[in-house]
Amino acid sequence: MRTRLALRLMAFFLVACGEVFADPKPSVVRITGPTVIGFFPPVSQADLDDYATGASSGVSHVRFALSDTAKCLREIKPVVHFVFARSVTLDVRGKRTTVEIPPAPQRSYGAILVAPDRKPRVVHTELGPSALAIALPQAAEEYFGVKACHVSL
């Protein structure tokens, strides 16, 4: 009976406070080859459900940019991740590097391009998450040298 009450209280607490989509510890991504990591600041389920916050739309735009970039990079078979985080720790052969994501709203979403033996590149845009549809493939072309990612404006 106590267990059932405790579970109900825990469920009520999670609903009342809003579930936050982020790990309490930093996201750790193991890098074994070409990798693209999309990121978005931690948000609650309530914010994702409330169209007025723009969180759901922002997440969708980052994911669309990741998908488009994965398609143009298919010849190098990148690993693609998406995280809700304020920092991402890259684990390359046991050596860890943490990429801190700036708190400024225009820089709190974007992507990280990384490969073993290469310095990671963080891609942001000041124009909103939808601008990643152009910025991310362009950056991927430059970083990985894959011409299929070329974006003509």
C-alpha atoms as a PDB file:
ATOM      1  CA  MET A   1       0.000   0.000   0.000  1.00  0.00           C
ATOM      2  CA  ARG A   2       2.824   2.413   0.872  1.00  0.00           C
ATOM      3  CA  THR A   3       4.579   1.555  -2.378  1.00  0.00           C
ATOM      4  CA  ARG A   4       1.452   2.324  -4.374  1.00  0.00           C
ATOM      5  CA  LEU A   5       1.028   5.658  -2.575  1.00  0.00           C
ATOM      6  CA  ALA A   6       4.686   6.526  -3.152  1.00  0.00           C
ATOM      7  CA  LEU A   7       4.345   5.739  -6.859  1.00  0.00           C
ATOM      8  CA  ARG A   8       1.219   7.892  -7.134  1.00  0.00           C
ATOM      9  CA  LEU A   9       2.947  10.802  -5.384  1.00  0.00           C
ATOM     10  CA  MET A  10       5.966  10.432  -7.654  1.00  0.00           C
ATOM     11  CA  ALA A  11       3.748  10.401 -10.746  1.00  0.00           C
ATOM     12  CA  PHE A  12       1.890  13.482  -9.506  1.00  0.00           C
ATOM     13  CA  PHE A  13       5.177  15.266  -8.824  1.00  0.00           C
ATOM     14  CA  LEU A  14       6.485  14.507 -12.338  1.00  0.00           C
ATOM     15  CA  VAL A  15       3.254  15.724 -13.945  1.00  0.00           C
ATOM     16  CA  ALA A  16       3.056  18.829 -11.754  1.00  0.00           C
ATOM     17  CA  CYS A  17       6.650  19.845 -12.360  1.00  0.00           C
ATOM     18  CA  GLY A  18       6.854  18.841 -15.997  1.00  0.00           C
ATOM     19  CA  GLU A  19       9.255  16.200 -17.197  1.00  0.00           C
ATOM     20  CA  VAL A  20      12.519  17.741 -18.323  1.00  0.00           C
ATOM     21  CA  PHE A  21      14.047  16.173 -21.416  1.00  0.00           C
ATOM     22  CA  ALA A  22      17.674  16.082 -20.384  1.00  0.00           C
ATOM     23  CA  ASP A  23      19.891  13.703 -18.530  1.00  0.00           C
ATOM     24  CA  PRO A  24      20.935  14.897 -15.086  1.00  0.00           C
ATOM     25  CA  LYS A  25      24.500  14.153 -16.132  1.00  0.00           C
ATOM     26  CA  PRO A  26      26.084  15.501 -19.320  1.00  0.00           C
ATOM     27  CA  SER A  27      25.387  13.618 -22.535  1.00  0.00           C
ATOM     28  CA  VAL A  28      28.348  11.432 -23.494  1.00  0.00           C
ATOM     29  CA  VAL A  29      28.722  10.438 -27.138  1.00  0.00           C
ATOM     30  CA  ARG A  30      31.315   7.866 -28.187  1.00  0.00           C
ATOM     31  CA  ILE A  31      33.018   8.931 -31.415  1.00  0.00           C
ATOM     32  CA  THR A  32      34.146   6.044 -33.635  1.00  0.00           C
ATOM     33  CA  GLY A  33      33.814   7.705 -37.044  1.00  0.00           C
ATOM     34  CA  PRO A  34      32.159  10.691 -38.711  1.00  0.00           C
ATOM     35  CA  THR A  35      29.478  11.928 -36.327  1.00  0.00           C
ATOM     36  CA  VAL A  36      26.812  14.623 -36.330  1.00  0.00           C
ATOM     37  CA  ILE A  37      25.197  15.511 -33.000  1.00  0.00           C
ATOM     38  CA  GLY A  38      22.162  17.760 -32.979  1.00  0.00           C
ATOM     39  CA  PHE A  39      21.388  19.526 -29.727  1.00  0.00           C
ATOM     40  CA  PHE A  40      18.571  21.546 -28.183  1.00  0.00           C
ATOM     41  CA  PRO A  41      18.305  22.970 -24.668  1.00  0.00           C
ATOM     42  CA  PRO A  42      16.487  20.887 -22.066  1.00  0.00           C
ATOM     43  CA  VAL A  43      12.727  21.506 -22.219  1.00  0.00           C
ATOM     44  CA  SER A  44       9.735  20.156 -20.362  1.00  0.00           C
ATOM     45  CA  GLN A  45       7.026  18.046 -21.919  1.00  0.00           C
ATOM     46  CA  ALA A  46       4.653  20.928 -21.178  1.00  0.00           C
ATOM     47  CA  ASP A  47       6.793  23.264 -23.317  1.00  0.00           C
ATOM     48  CA  LEU A  48       6.908  20.708 -26.124  1.00  0.00           C
ATOM     49  CA  ASP A  49       3.118  20.343 -25.962  1.00  0.00           C
ATOM     50  CA  ASP A  50       2.481  24.113 -25.915  1.00  0.00           C
ATOM     51  CA  TYR A  51       2.748  25.330 -29.507  1.00  0.00           C
ATOM     52  CA  ALA A  52       3.136  28.935 -28.314  1.00  0.00           C
ATOM     53  CA  THR A  53       6.573  28.227 -26.780  1.00  0.00           C
ATOM     54  CA  GLY A  54       8.045  27.236 -30.146  1.00  0.00           C
ATOM     55  CA  ALA A  55       9.982  24.395 -28.521  1.00  0.00           C
ATOM     56  CA  SER A  56       8.325  21.649 -30.550  1.00  0.00           C
ATOM     57  CA  SER A  57       8.901  23.537 -33.799  1.00  0.00           C
ATOM     58  CA  GLY A  58      12.526  24.257 -32.871  1.00  0.00           C
ATOM     59  CA  VAL A  59      13.217  20.595 -32.093  1.00  0.00           C
ATOM     60  CA  SER A  60      11.611  19.584 -35.400  1.00  0.00           C
ATOM     61  CA  HIS A  61      13.789  22.006 -37.356  1.00  0.00           C
ATOM     62  CA  VAL A  62      16.980  20.699 -35.720  1.00  0.00           C
ATOM     63  CA  ARG A  63      15.913  17.106 -36.472  1.00  0.00           C
ATOM     64  CA  PHE A  64      15.053  17.975 -40.103  1.00  0.00           C
ATOM     65  CA  ALA A  65      18.507  19.530 -40.529  1.00  0.00           C
ATOM     66  CA  LEU A  66      20.109  16.401 -39.034  1.00  0.00           C
ATOM     67  CA  SER A  67      18.151  14.183 -41.403  1.00  0.00           C
ATOM     68  CA  ASP A  68      19.065  16.247 -44.471  1.00  0.00           C
ATOM     69  CA  THR A  69      22.713  16.312 -43.436  1.00  0.00           C
ATOM     70  CA  ALA A  70      22.791  12.555 -42.829  1.00  0.00           C
ATOM     71  CA  LYS A  71      21.403  12.033 -46.340  1.00  0.00           C
ATOM     72  CA  CYS A  72      24.047  14.180 -48.022  1.00  0.00           C
ATOM     73  CA  LEU A  73      26.789  12.504 -45.949  1.00  0.00           C
ATOM     74  CA  ARG A  74      25.593   8.954 -46.679  1.00  0.00           C
ATOM     75  CA  GLU A  75      28.789   8.095 -48.605  1.00  0.00           C
ATOM     76  CA  ILE A  76      30.805   8.399 -45.368  1.00  0.00           C
ATOM     77  CA  LYS A  77      28.115   6.673 -43.237  1.00  0.00           C
ATOM     78  CA  PRO A  78      27.919   9.151 -40.344  1.00  0.00           C
ATOM     79  CA  VAL A  79      26.534   8.311 -36.942  1.00  0.00           C
ATOM     80  CA  VAL A  80      23.789  10.787 -36.049  1.00  0.00           C
ATOM     81  CA  HIS A  81      22.620  11.673 -32.536  1.00  0.00           C
ATOM     82  CA  PHE A  82      20.135  14.153 -31.079  1.00  0.00           C
ATOM     83  CA  VAL A  83      20.362  15.295 -27.459  1.00  0.00           C
ATOM     84  CA  PHE A  84      18.593  17.684 -25.129  1.00  0.00           C
ATOM     85  CA  ALA A  85      21.611  19.128 -23.314  1.00  0.00           C
ATOM     86  CA  ARG A  86      23.623  22.137 -22.169  1.00  0.00           C
ATOM     87  CA  SER A  87      26.880  20.259 -22.756  1.00  0.00           C
ATOM     88  CA  VAL A  88      28.012  17.237 -24.733  1.00  0.00           C
ATOM     89  CA  THR A  89      31.022  15.126 -23.798  1.00  0.00           C
ATOM     90  CA  LEU A  90      32.785  13.538 -26.757  1.00  0.00           C
ATOM     91  CA  ASP A  91      34.604  10.284 -26.013  1.00  0.00           C
ATOM     92  CA  VAL A  92      37.249   9.576 -28.655  1.00  0.00           C
ATOM     93  CA  ARG A  93      39.236   6.420 -27.826  1.00  0.00           C
ATOM     94  CA  GLY A  94      38.880   7.100 -24.109  1.00  0.00           C
ATOM     95  CA  LYS A  95      39.893  10.757 -24.319  1.00  0.00           C
ATOM     96  CA  ARG A  96      37.005  12.990 -23.305  1.00  0.00           C
ATOM     97  CA  THR A  97      36.324  16.533 -24.430  1.00  0.00           C
ATOM     98  CA  THR A  98      33.303  18.481 -23.257  1.00  0.00           C
ATOM     99  CA  VAL A  99      31.600  20.924 -25.585  1.00  0.00           C
ATOM    100  CA  GLU A 100      29.723  23.533 -23.564  1.00  0.00           C
ATOM    101  CA  ILE A 101      26.629  24.851 -25.292  1.00  0.00           C
ATOM    102  CA  PRO A 102      26.172  28.599 -24.763  1.00  0.00           C
ATOM    103  CA  PRO A 103      23.061  29.637 -22.825  1.00  0.00           C
ATOM    104  CA  ALA A 104      22.207  32.445 -25.274  1.00  0.00           C
ATOM    105  CA  PRO A 105      18.909  31.496 -26.952  1.00  0.00           C
ATOM    106  CA  GLN A 106      20.335  31.853 -30.479  1.00  0.00           C
ATOM    107  CA  ARG A 107      23.212  29.503 -29.675  1.00  0.00           C
ATOM    108  CA  SER A 108      21.474  26.942 -27.455  1.00  0.00           C
ATOM    109  CA  TYR A 109      20.509  24.760 -30.430  1.00  0.00           C
ATOM    110  CA  GLY A 110      22.567  23.502 -33.342  1.00  0.00           C
ATOM    111  CA  ALA A 111      24.892  20.624 -34.088  1.00  0.00           C
ATOM    112  CA  ILE A 112      28.393  19.336 -33.525  1.00  0.00           C
ATOM    113  CA  LEU A 113      30.397  17.821 -36.377  1.00  0.00           C
ATOM    114  CA  VAL A 114      33.187  15.533 -35.212  1.00  0.00           C
ATOM    115  CA  ALA A 115      35.411  12.680 -36.333  1.00  0.00           C
ATOM    116  CA  PRO A 116      38.309  10.901 -34.625  1.00  0.00           C
ATOM    117  CA  ASP A 117      41.531  12.905 -34.842  1.00  0.00           C
ATOM    118  CA  ARG A 118      39.658  16.101 -35.776  1.00  0.00           C
ATOM    119  CA  LYS A 119      38.720  19.064 -33.649  1.00  0.00           C
ATOM    120  CA  PRO A 120      34.924  19.226 -33.257  1.00  0.00           C
ATOM    121  CA  ARG A 121      33.043  21.995 -35.042  1.00  0.00           C
ATOM    122  CA  VAL A 122      29.964  23.530 -33.435  1.00  0.00           C
ATOM    123  CA  VAL A 123      27.353  24.865 -35.849  1.00  0.00           C
ATOM    124  CA  HIS A 124      24.937  27.584 -34.718  1.00  0.00           C
ATOM    125  CA  THR A 125      22.769  30.062 -36.523  1.00  0.00           C
ATOM    126  CA  GLU A 126      21.509  33.417 -35.311  1.00  0.00           C
ATOM    127  CA  LEU A 127      18.420  33.137 -37.547  1.00  0.00           C
ATOM    128  CA  GLY A 128      16.556  30.381 -35.710  1.00  0.00           C
ATOM    129  CA  PRO A 129      16.554  26.578 -35.879  1.00  0.00           C
ATOM    130  CA  SER A 130      15.031  26.550 -39.388  1.00  0.00           C
ATOM    131  CA  ALA A 131      18.218  28.164 -40.749  1.00  0.00           C
ATOM    132  CA  LEU A 132      20.116  24.979 -39.827  1.00  0.00           C
ATOM    133  CA  ALA A 133      18.579  23.417 -42.954  1.00  0.00           C
ATOM    134  CA  ILE A 134      21.169  25.405 -44.919  1.00  0.00           C
ATOM    135  CA  ALA A 135      23.897  26.036 -42.340  1.00  0.00           C
ATOM    136  CA  LEU A 136      24.403  22.419 -41.234  1.00  0.00           C
ATOM    137  CA  PRO A 137      24.865  20.801 -44.672  1.00  0.00           C
ATOM    138  CA  GLN A 138      27.204  23.659 -45.688  1.00  0.00           C
ATOM    139  CA  ALA A 139      29.281  23.147 -42.547  1.00  0.00           C
ATOM    140  CA  ALA A 140      29.275  19.373 -43.121  1.00  0.00           C
ATOM    141  CA  GLU A 141      30.578  19.875 -46.668  1.00  0.00           C
ATOM    142  CA  GLU A 142      33.447  21.993 -45.345  1.00  0.00           C
ATOM    143  CA  TYR A 143      34.232  19.780 -42.343  1.00  0.00           C
ATOM    144  CA  PHE A 144      33.969  16.339 -43.970  1.00  0.00           C
ATOM    145  CA  GLY A 145      34.782  17.375 -47.561  1.00  0.00           C
ATOM    146  CA  VAL A 146      31.641  15.771 -48.991  1.00  0.00           C
ATOM    147  CA  LYS A 147      30.503  17.670 -52.092  1.00  0.00           C
ATOM    148  CA  ALA A 148      27.012  16.115 -51.962  1.00  0.00           C
ATOM    149  CA  CYS A 149      26.294  18.481 -49.048  1.00  0.00           C
ATOM    150  CA  HIS A 150      26.888  21.583 -51.152  1.00  0.00           C
ATOM    151  CA  VAL A 151      24.021  24.060 -50.830  1.00  0.00           C
ATOM    152  CA  SER A 152      23.497  26.553 -53.648  1.00  0.00           C
ATOM    153  CA  LEU A 153      21.825  29.765 -52.631  1.00  0.00           C
END
